[in-house]
Amino acid sequence: WIYLIMSSFNRSNIPQRWYLGGFASAGAAVFTHPLDLLKVHLQTQQVVENRLIGMGIHVLRHEGFLGLYNGLSASLLRQMTYSTTRFGVYETLKVKLSDGESKTLPFYQKLLLSIIGGASGGMVGSPSDMINVRMQNDVKIKKELRRNYKHVFDGIVRVIREEGLFRLWRGASLNITRSILITVSQVAFYEQTKQILISSGYFKDNIFAHFSASFIAGVIATAMTQPVDVVKTRMMNAKPSDYKNILSCVIYTGRMGPFGFFKGFFPAFTRLGPQTILTWLFLEKLRLLLPIVNKH
């Protein structure tokens, strides 16, 4: 059904190519992957042993610089599936509702499109997200317990062979929830903030407006998604016997107190903030470099 949404409109009427969001997000992920890896390590600690800098030193000491890029292939595949879908659905439906570029959507419609796009992206990107979490977490556990996936596709094949096909969607409901929240905050709030900044007269539609709007969106995204992200990371990294269901994982995390749901908040912001900023700076530039010219 996602394909039908994408292909149901004349491309000559679409102001942004629907797939650009995936390329912009993948480009941003190359720069922010080490922070994402450290965030996963911090979130999966049951007892706090390291902070952000300490965890970074630990990875560098035991795995070297390249250890910070464990799981990069899964991260890139995740962005090319998850982000391409969520941005593509959002942009395509936005064009349909706004009648091309002639009308600005009200905020509630941006929220609605973000929810649809986020839910679609979360479902499509869940398998690669799961492998990404496991590959990143491998470097901090004992060598005899590591899964040692060679790359993302090796991880997917091994999960299917060893744990079953549907295991790839373990924690998918949390992934979809997080995807909705992050798309609402990253996309709807970005566009609304950018619109307000430009209409104020103090900003023009340039890199300064794009940076300011994306920074604000990054702060909102971190605050909205952190509790879900912590539980989702634990579920995806867990062995089959660790948690009976999502509720048991929530209860287990809650035993650390309310701040247990905000483990790794600072590294989450230091990753999600730059990720949001770079994604939008890249995307705004790609919109200029690869415009779709109206043939009419």
Protein backbone atom coordinates (compact mmCIF):
# COMPACT_ATOMS: atom_id res chain seq x y z
CA TRP A 1 0.00 0.00 0.00
CA ILE A 2 2.98 2.30 0.55
CA TYR A 3 3.97 1.74 -3.09
CA LEU A 4 0.47 2.63 -4.22
CA ILE A 5 0.61 5.90 -2.28
CA MET A 6 3.96 6.74 -3.85
CA SER A 7 2.96 5.92 -7.40
CA SER A 8 -0.54 7.39 -7.41
CA PHE A 9 0.51 10.94 -8.20
CA ASN A 10 2.13 12.56 -11.22
CA ARG A 11 5.79 13.14 -10.37
CA SER A 12 5.79 16.43 -12.29
CA ASN A 13 3.55 17.90 -9.58
CA ILE A 14 5.74 16.85 -6.63
CA PRO A 15 8.03 19.67 -5.41
CA GLN A 16 10.41 17.21 -3.74
CA ARG A 17 11.43 13.79 -4.98
CA TRP A 18 9.98 11.41 -2.39
CA TYR A 19 13.18 9.40 -1.94
CA LEU A 20 15.47 12.31 -1.00
CA GLY A 21 14.67 12.01 2.71
CA GLY A 22 16.29 8.58 2.83
CA PHE A 23 19.53 9.79 1.21
CA ALA A 24 19.67 12.85 3.48
CA SER A 25 19.14 10.70 6.58
CA ALA A 26 21.77 8.17 5.48
CA GLY A 27 24.27 10.98 4.92
CA ALA A 28 23.58 12.29 8.42
CA ALA A 29 23.92 8.79 9.91
CA VAL A 30 27.51 8.49 8.65
CA PHE A 31 28.45 11.39 10.93
CA THR A 32 26.29 10.52 13.94
CA HIS A 33 26.68 6.71 14.06
CA PRO A 34 29.36 6.70 16.83
CA LEU A 35 27.04 8.69 19.09
CA ASP A 36 24.19 6.32 18.29
CA LEU A 37 26.40 3.36 19.22
CA LEU A 38 27.35 4.93 22.57
CA LYS A 39 23.69 5.72 23.26
CA VAL A 40 22.76 2.04 22.78
CA HIS A 41 25.55 0.98 25.15
CA LEU A 42 24.37 3.39 27.84
CA GLN A 43 20.73 2.37 27.50
CA THR A 44 21.45 -1.34 27.84
CA GLN A 45 23.34 -0.95 31.12
CA GLN A 46 21.31 -2.27 34.05
CA VAL A 47 23.80 -0.81 36.52
CA VAL A 48 25.34 2.51 35.51
CA GLU A 49 29.06 1.84 35.07
CA ASN A 50 30.01 4.38 32.41
CA ARG A 51 28.89 7.78 31.22
CA LEU A 52 29.17 9.02 27.64
CA ILE A 53 32.88 9.87 27.66
CA GLY A 54 33.78 6.81 29.73
CA MET A 55 31.88 4.55 27.35
CA GLY A 56 33.62 6.13 24.38
CA ILE A 57 37.03 5.54 25.97
CA HIS A 58 36.03 1.95 26.75
CA VAL A 59 35.09 1.24 23.10
CA LEU A 60 38.25 2.91 21.76
CA ARG A 61 40.46 1.02 24.19
CA HIS A 62 39.01 -2.42 23.48
CA GLU A 63 37.88 -2.16 19.84
CA GLY A 64 39.79 0.77 18.35
CA PHE A 65 38.38 3.64 16.32
CA LEU A 66 36.49 1.37 13.93
CA GLY A 67 34.64 -0.07 16.92
CA LEU A 68 32.66 3.17 16.98
CA TYR A 69 31.28 2.23 13.56
CA ASN A 70 30.09 -1.28 14.44
CA GLY A 71 26.70 -1.75 12.80
CA LEU A 72 27.13 1.06 10.28
CA SER A 73 25.80 -1.11 7.42
CA ALA A 74 22.63 -1.81 9.43
CA SER A 75 22.31 1.88 10.29
CA LEU A 76 22.52 2.88 6.62
CA LEU A 77 20.03 0.20 5.56
CA ARG A 78 17.71 1.36 8.33
CA GLN A 79 17.80 4.94 7.04
CA MET A 80 17.28 3.83 3.43
CA THR A 81 14.19 1.83 4.44
CA TYR A 82 12.79 3.62 7.48
CA SER A 83 13.52 7.24 6.54
CA THR A 84 12.84 6.83 2.83
CA THR A 85 9.40 5.46 3.71
CA ARG A 86 8.45 8.02 6.37
CA PHE A 87 9.65 11.03 4.37
CA GLY A 88 8.27 9.61 1.13
CA VAL A 89 4.77 8.97 2.51
CA TYR A 90 4.73 12.38 4.21
CA GLU A 91 5.88 14.32 1.14
CA THR A 92 3.58 12.49 -1.27
CA LEU A 93 0.47 12.95 0.87
CA LYS A 94 1.47 16.55 1.60
CA VAL A 95 1.48 17.35 -2.12
CA LYS A 96 -1.96 15.78 -2.51
CA LEU A 97 -3.44 17.80 0.36
CA SER A 98 -1.72 21.08 -0.48
CA ASP A 99 -2.50 20.98 -4.22
CA GLY A 100 1.14 21.24 -5.22
CA GLU A 101 3.03 24.18 -3.74
CA SER A 102 0.18 26.70 -3.76
CA LYS A 103 -1.08 26.14 -0.22
CA THR A 104 0.52 25.77 3.22
CA LEU A 105 -0.88 22.97 5.32
CA PRO A 106 -2.25 23.73 8.80
CA PHE A 107 -0.26 22.22 11.66
CA TYR A 108 -2.83 19.54 12.51
CA GLN A 109 -2.60 18.16 8.97
CA LYS A 110 1.20 18.06 9.21
CA LEU A 111 0.81 16.09 12.44
CA LEU A 112 -1.59 13.65 10.79
CA LEU A 113 0.72 13.06 7.81
CA SER A 114 3.67 12.62 10.17
CA ILE A 115 1.78 9.94 12.08
CA ILE A 116 0.98 8.03 8.87
CA GLY A 117 4.53 8.38 7.55
CA GLY A 118 6.09 7.47 10.90
CA ALA A 119 3.96 4.35 11.33
CA SER A 120 4.83 3.19 7.80
CA GLY A 121 8.55 3.83 8.29
CA GLY A 122 8.63 2.11 11.67
CA MET A 123 7.17 -1.09 10.26
CA VAL A 124 9.43 -1.17 7.20
CA GLY A 125 12.60 -0.29 9.11
CA SER A 126 12.15 -2.56 12.12
CA PRO A 127 14.30 -5.52 10.91
CA SER A 128 17.34 -3.39 10.06
CA ASP A 129 16.88 -1.42 13.28
CA MET A 130 16.99 -4.63 15.30
CA ILE A 131 20.22 -5.78 13.62
CA ASN A 132 21.66 -2.29 14.10
CA VAL A 133 21.06 -2.44 17.86
CA ARG A 134 22.57 -5.93 18.15
CA MET A 135 25.68 -5.08 16.11
CA GLN A 136 26.28 -1.93 18.11
CA ASN A 137 25.87 -3.71 21.44
CA ASP A 138 28.21 -6.56 20.48
CA VAL A 139 31.36 -4.60 21.29
CA LYS A 140 30.56 -4.24 24.98
CA ILE A 141 29.83 -7.88 25.83
CA LYS A 142 32.22 -10.82 26.30
CA LYS A 143 33.66 -12.19 23.07
CA GLU A 144 32.21 -15.68 23.62
CA LEU A 145 28.71 -14.19 23.93
CA ARG A 146 28.85 -11.96 20.86
CA ARG A 147 26.62 -12.61 17.87
CA ASN A 148 29.36 -11.45 15.46
CA TYR A 149 27.14 -10.55 12.52
CA LYS A 150 29.42 -9.84 9.55
CA HIS A 151 27.06 -7.20 8.17
CA VAL A 152 23.39 -6.31 8.19
CA PHE A 153 22.34 -8.95 5.66
CA ASP A 154 24.23 -11.67 7.51
CA GLY A 155 22.40 -10.58 10.65
CA ILE A 156 19.00 -10.75 8.99
CA VAL A 157 19.67 -14.23 7.53
CA ARG A 158 20.94 -15.55 10.86
CA VAL A 159 17.97 -14.19 12.81
CA ILE A 160 15.58 -15.87 10.35
CA ARG A 161 17.53 -19.14 10.52
CA GLU A 162 18.14 -19.20 14.29
CA GLU A 163 15.12 -17.38 15.73
CA GLY A 164 12.46 -17.30 13.02
CA LEU A 165 11.24 -14.70 10.55
CA PHE A 166 8.93 -12.83 12.89
CA ARG A 167 11.74 -12.30 15.38
CA LEU A 168 12.89 -9.51 13.06
CA TRP A 169 9.83 -7.56 14.21
CA ARG A 170 10.48 -8.12 17.93
CA GLY A 171 9.70 -4.77 19.53
CA ALA A 172 8.08 -3.51 16.31
CA SER A 173 5.19 -1.88 18.21
CA LEU A 174 7.70 0.18 20.18
CA ASN A 175 9.62 0.93 16.99
CA ILE A 176 6.44 2.14 15.28
CA THR A 177 5.53 4.26 18.31
CA ARG A 178 8.99 5.81 18.38
CA SER A 179 8.92 6.33 14.63
CA ILE A 180 5.61 8.19 14.89
CA LEU A 181 6.93 10.40 17.70
CA ILE A 182 10.20 11.14 15.94
CA THR A 183 8.53 11.88 12.60
CA VAL A 184 6.04 14.21 14.28
CA SER A 185 8.85 16.06 16.06
CA GLN A 186 11.44 15.98 13.26
CA VAL A 187 9.17 16.66 10.30
CA ALA A 188 5.95 18.36 11.40
CA PHE A 189 7.61 20.52 14.06
CA TYR A 190 10.50 21.36 11.73
CA GLU A 191 8.23 22.52 8.95
CA GLN A 192 5.98 24.46 11.34
CA THR A 193 8.95 26.09 13.10
CA LYS A 194 10.57 26.97 9.78
CA GLN A 195 7.30 28.50 8.61
CA ILE A 196 7.01 30.61 11.79
CA LEU A 197 10.64 31.77 11.60
CA ILE A 198 10.37 32.86 7.97
CA SER A 199 6.98 34.54 8.44
CA SER A 200 8.39 36.52 11.40
CA GLY A 201 10.50 38.54 8.98
CA TYR A 202 13.73 37.90 10.92
CA PHE A 203 14.68 34.88 8.84
CA LYS A 204 14.84 34.11 5.15
CA ASP A 205 14.53 30.64 3.61
CA ASN A 206 18.23 29.90 3.97
CA ILE A 207 20.67 27.81 6.01
CA PHE A 208 20.18 29.93 9.13
CA ALA A 209 16.43 29.27 9.18
CA HIS A 210 17.01 25.59 8.37
CA PHE A 211 19.57 25.22 11.16
CA SER A 212 17.42 27.02 13.77
CA ALA A 213 14.25 25.09 12.93
CA SER A 214 16.07 21.73 12.87
CA PHE A 215 17.80 22.45 16.20
CA ILE A 216 14.43 23.11 17.86
CA ALA A 217 12.98 19.99 16.22
CA GLY A 218 15.92 17.94 17.54
CA VAL A 219 15.28 19.07 21.13
CA ILE A 220 11.59 18.19 20.84
CA ALA A 221 12.39 14.84 19.22
CA THR A 222 14.72 13.79 22.05
CA ALA A 223 12.23 14.72 24.77
CA MET A 224 9.37 12.86 23.07
CA THR A 225 11.16 9.66 22.13
CA GLN A 226 13.63 8.87 24.90
CA PRO A 227 11.40 6.66 27.15
CA VAL A 228 10.17 4.63 24.17
CA ASP A 229 13.70 4.40 22.77
CA VAL A 230 15.09 2.96 26.01
CA VAL A 231 12.48 0.19 26.19
CA LYS A 232 12.73 -0.51 22.45
CA THR A 233 16.52 -0.87 22.64
CA ARG A 234 16.24 -3.32 25.55
CA MET A 235 13.59 -5.39 23.76
CA MET A 236 15.56 -5.62 20.51
CA ASN A 237 18.81 -6.52 22.23
CA ALA A 238 17.20 -9.09 24.58
CA LYS A 239 17.51 -12.84 24.35
CA PRO A 240 14.21 -14.74 23.90
CA SER A 241 14.07 -15.58 27.62
CA ASP A 242 14.80 -12.09 28.98
CA TYR A 243 11.33 -10.52 28.78
CA LYS A 244 7.90 -12.11 28.36
CA ASN A 245 6.49 -9.01 26.65
CA ILE A 246 6.81 -5.24 26.44
CA LEU A 247 5.12 -4.75 29.82
CA SER A 248 7.68 -6.94 31.60
CA CYS A 249 10.47 -4.90 29.99
CA VAL A 250 8.80 -1.66 31.12
CA ILE A 251 8.47 -3.00 34.69
CA TYR A 252 12.09 -4.19 34.69
CA THR A 253 13.30 -0.77 33.50
CA GLY A 254 11.03 1.00 35.99
CA ARG A 255 12.79 -0.73 38.90
CA MET A 256 15.67 1.67 38.31
CA GLY A 257 13.31 4.56 39.03
CA PRO A 258 11.66 7.05 36.65
CA PHE A 259 15.01 8.23 35.36
CA GLY A 260 15.68 4.70 34.13
CA PHE A 261 13.51 5.56 31.12
CA PHE A 262 15.79 8.49 30.35
CA LYS A 263 19.08 6.62 30.44
CA GLY A 264 21.45 8.07 27.91
CA PHE A 265 19.36 11.25 27.49
CA PHE A 266 22.38 13.49 26.87
CA PRO A 267 24.02 11.17 24.32
CA ALA A 268 20.58 10.69 22.76
CA PHE A 269 20.33 14.44 22.26
CA THR A 270 23.92 14.74 21.09
CA ARG A 271 23.05 12.16 18.43
CA LEU A 272 19.46 13.08 17.60
CA GLY A 273 20.16 16.82 17.57
CA PRO A 274 22.96 16.62 14.98
CA GLN A 275 21.07 13.86 13.13
CA THR A 276 18.04 16.14 12.78
CA ILE A 277 20.11 19.17 11.84
CA LEU A 278 22.26 17.35 9.27
CA THR A 279 19.28 15.53 7.77
CA TRP A 280 17.46 18.79 7.11
CA LEU A 281 20.53 20.68 5.90
CA PHE A 282 21.26 17.84 3.46
CA LEU A 283 17.60 17.53 2.44
CA GLU A 284 17.14 21.24 1.83
CA LYS A 285 20.27 21.21 -0.34
CA LEU A 286 19.09 18.12 -2.24
CA ARG A 287 15.77 19.84 -2.90
CA LEU A 288 17.70 22.62 -4.66
CA LEU A 289 20.07 20.31 -6.52
CA LEU A 290 17.40 17.85 -7.71
CA PRO A 291 14.21 19.84 -8.29
CA ILE A 292 11.24 18.43 -10.12
CA VAL A 293 10.30 20.87 -12.83
CA ASN A 294 6.57 21.31 -13.40
CA LYS A 295 5.93 20.39 -17.04
CA HIS A 296 2.71 22.38 -17.29
